[in-house]
Amino acid sequence: MEVKVHRKGIIVIPAEVRRRLNVREGSVMELEVEGDKIVLKRKMTLLDMYGVDKEMGDSAVKELERLRKEEVERENSV
């Protein structure tokens, strides 16, 4: 599949590929260089793997951060 590189190095992933790989705005991609090839892979996140919606995922992350902060504070007070 042929794509054109923008002067700032930007390429457009064709809609067919985005649909096939479920790539949406905000998706995280991993870029690897293998010899003279560029390999672009969709990076799966916890939200992708467990089907959690963004609001629920953000809430879970905030709760984990809060719990970790409390744990660090307890460790530092010993």
C-alpha atoms as a PDB file:
ATOM      1  CA  MET A   1       0.000   0.000   0.000  1.00  0.00           C
ATOM      2  CA  GLU A   2       1.493   3.332  -0.999  1.00  0.00           C
ATOM      3  CA  VAL A   3       1.304   6.448   1.164  1.00  0.00           C
ATOM      4  CA  LYS A   4       2.916   9.857   0.762  1.00  0.00           C
ATOM      5  CA  VAL A   5       5.128  11.462   3.406  1.00  0.00           C
ATOM      6  CA  HIS A   6       4.244  15.052   4.339  1.00  0.00           C
ATOM      7  CA  ARG A   7       7.102  17.573   4.556  1.00  0.00           C
ATOM      8  CA  LYS A   8       6.946  17.297   8.360  1.00  0.00           C
ATOM      9  CA  GLY A   9       7.285  13.510   8.213  1.00  0.00           C
ATOM     10  CA  ILE A  10       3.579  12.848   8.688  1.00  0.00           C
ATOM     11  CA  ILE A  11       1.934   9.929   6.897  1.00  0.00           C
ATOM     12  CA  VAL A  12      -1.752   9.087   6.718  1.00  0.00           C
ATOM     13  CA  ILE A  13      -2.785   5.564   7.643  1.00  0.00           C
ATOM     14  CA  PRO A  14      -5.459   4.579   5.100  1.00  0.00           C
ATOM     15  CA  ALA A  15      -8.994   4.208   6.492  1.00  0.00           C
ATOM     16  CA  GLU A  16      -9.126   0.516   5.517  1.00  0.00           C
ATOM     17  CA  VAL A  17      -6.045  -0.196   7.657  1.00  0.00           C
ATOM     18  CA  ARG A  18      -7.320   1.921  10.566  1.00  0.00           C
ATOM     19  CA  ARG A  19     -10.605   0.024  10.571  1.00  0.00           C
ATOM     20  CA  ARG A  20      -8.894  -3.361  10.314  1.00  0.00           C
ATOM     21  CA  LEU A  21      -6.564  -2.611  13.247  1.00  0.00           C
ATOM     22  CA  ASN A  22      -9.096  -0.553  15.215  1.00  0.00           C
ATOM     23  CA  VAL A  23      -6.823   2.506  15.154  1.00  0.00           C
ATOM     24  CA  ARG A  24      -8.613   5.651  16.265  1.00  0.00           C
ATOM     25  CA  GLU A  25      -7.624   9.156  17.245  1.00  0.00           C
ATOM     26  CA  GLY A  26      -5.499   8.840  20.356  1.00  0.00           C
ATOM     27  CA  SER A  27      -4.457   5.241  19.662  1.00  0.00           C
ATOM     28  CA  VAL A  28      -0.890   4.522  20.683  1.00  0.00           C
ATOM     29  CA  MET A  29       1.363   3.174  17.949  1.00  0.00           C
ATOM     30  CA  GLU A  30       4.787   1.590  18.239  1.00  0.00           C
ATOM     31  CA  LEU A  31       7.324   2.349  15.528  1.00  0.00           C
ATOM     32  CA  GLU A  32      10.294   0.053  14.920  1.00  0.00           C
ATOM     33  CA  VAL A  33      13.066   0.268  12.371  1.00  0.00           C
ATOM     34  CA  GLU A  34      14.133  -3.075  10.933  1.00  0.00           C
ATOM     35  CA  GLY A  35      16.985  -2.579   8.497  1.00  0.00           C
ATOM     36  CA  ASP A  36      15.528  -0.373   5.772  1.00  0.00           C
ATOM     37  CA  LYS A  37      11.915  -0.949   6.874  1.00  0.00           C
ATOM     38  CA  ILE A  38       9.615   0.970   9.178  1.00  0.00           C
ATOM     39  CA  VAL A  39       7.229  -1.254  11.109  1.00  0.00           C
ATOM     40  CA  LEU A  40       4.244   0.457  12.705  1.00  0.00           C
ATOM     41  CA  LYS A  41       2.259  -1.577  15.242  1.00  0.00           C
ATOM     42  CA  ARG A  42      -0.836  -0.741  17.220  1.00  0.00           C
ATOM     43  CA  LYS A  43       0.039  -0.876  20.882  1.00  0.00           C
ATOM     44  CA  MET A  44      -2.662  -2.455  22.988  1.00  0.00           C
ATOM     45  CA  THR A  45      -3.576  -0.661  26.189  1.00  0.00           C
ATOM     46  CA  LEU A  46      -5.420  -1.999  29.216  1.00  0.00           C
ATOM     47  CA  LEU A  47      -8.514  -0.191  28.008  1.00  0.00           C
ATOM     48  CA  ASP A  48      -8.316  -2.036  24.682  1.00  0.00           C
ATOM     49  CA  MET A  49      -7.775  -5.418  26.309  1.00  0.00           C
ATOM     50  CA  TYR A  50     -10.555  -5.179  28.859  1.00  0.00           C
ATOM     51  CA  GLY A  51     -13.068  -3.089  26.941  1.00  0.00           C
ATOM     52  CA  VAL A  52     -13.282  -0.425  29.627  1.00  0.00           C
ATOM     53  CA  ASP A  53     -14.731   2.878  28.475  1.00  0.00           C
ATOM     54  CA  LYS A  54     -12.570   5.997  28.802  1.00  0.00           C
ATOM     55  CA  GLU A  55     -14.411   7.479  31.796  1.00  0.00           C
ATOM     56  CA  MET A  56     -14.259   4.224  33.752  1.00  0.00           C
ATOM     57  CA  GLY A  57     -10.618   3.731  32.745  1.00  0.00           C
ATOM     58  CA  ASP A  58      -9.645   7.250  33.838  1.00  0.00           C
ATOM     59  CA  SER A  59     -11.410   6.700  37.147  1.00  0.00           C
ATOM     60  CA  ALA A  60      -9.572   3.405  37.698  1.00  0.00           C
ATOM     61  CA  VAL A  61      -6.204   5.007  36.896  1.00  0.00           C
ATOM     62  CA  LYS A  62      -6.849   7.859  39.348  1.00  0.00           C
ATOM     63  CA  GLU A  63      -7.786   5.377  42.065  1.00  0.00           C
ATOM     64  CA  LEU A  64      -4.633   3.321  41.428  1.00  0.00           C
ATOM     65  CA  GLU A  65      -2.524   6.491  41.566  1.00  0.00           C
ATOM     66  CA  ARG A  66      -4.160   7.480  44.872  1.00  0.00           C
ATOM     67  CA  LEU A  67      -3.575   4.040  46.378  1.00  0.00           C
ATOM     68  CA  ARG A  68       0.056   4.005  45.221  1.00  0.00           C
ATOM     69  CA  LYS A  69       0.648   7.472  46.683  1.00  0.00           C
ATOM     70  CA  GLU A  70      -0.722   6.301  50.036  1.00  0.00           C
ATOM     71  CA  GLU A  71       1.500   3.232  49.885  1.00  0.00           C
ATOM     72  CA  VAL A  72       4.607   5.339  49.173  1.00  0.00           C
ATOM     73  CA  GLU A  73       3.732   7.675  52.042  1.00  0.00           C
ATOM     74  CA  ARG A  74       3.407   4.699  54.413  1.00  0.00           C
ATOM     75  CA  GLU A  75       6.767   3.292  53.216  1.00  0.00           C
ATOM     76  CA  ASN A  76       8.470   6.663  53.722  1.00  0.00           C
ATOM     77  CA  SER A  77       7.078   7.106  57.231  1.00  0.00           C
ATOM     78  CA  VAL A  78       8.607   3.838  58.488  1.00  0.00           C
END
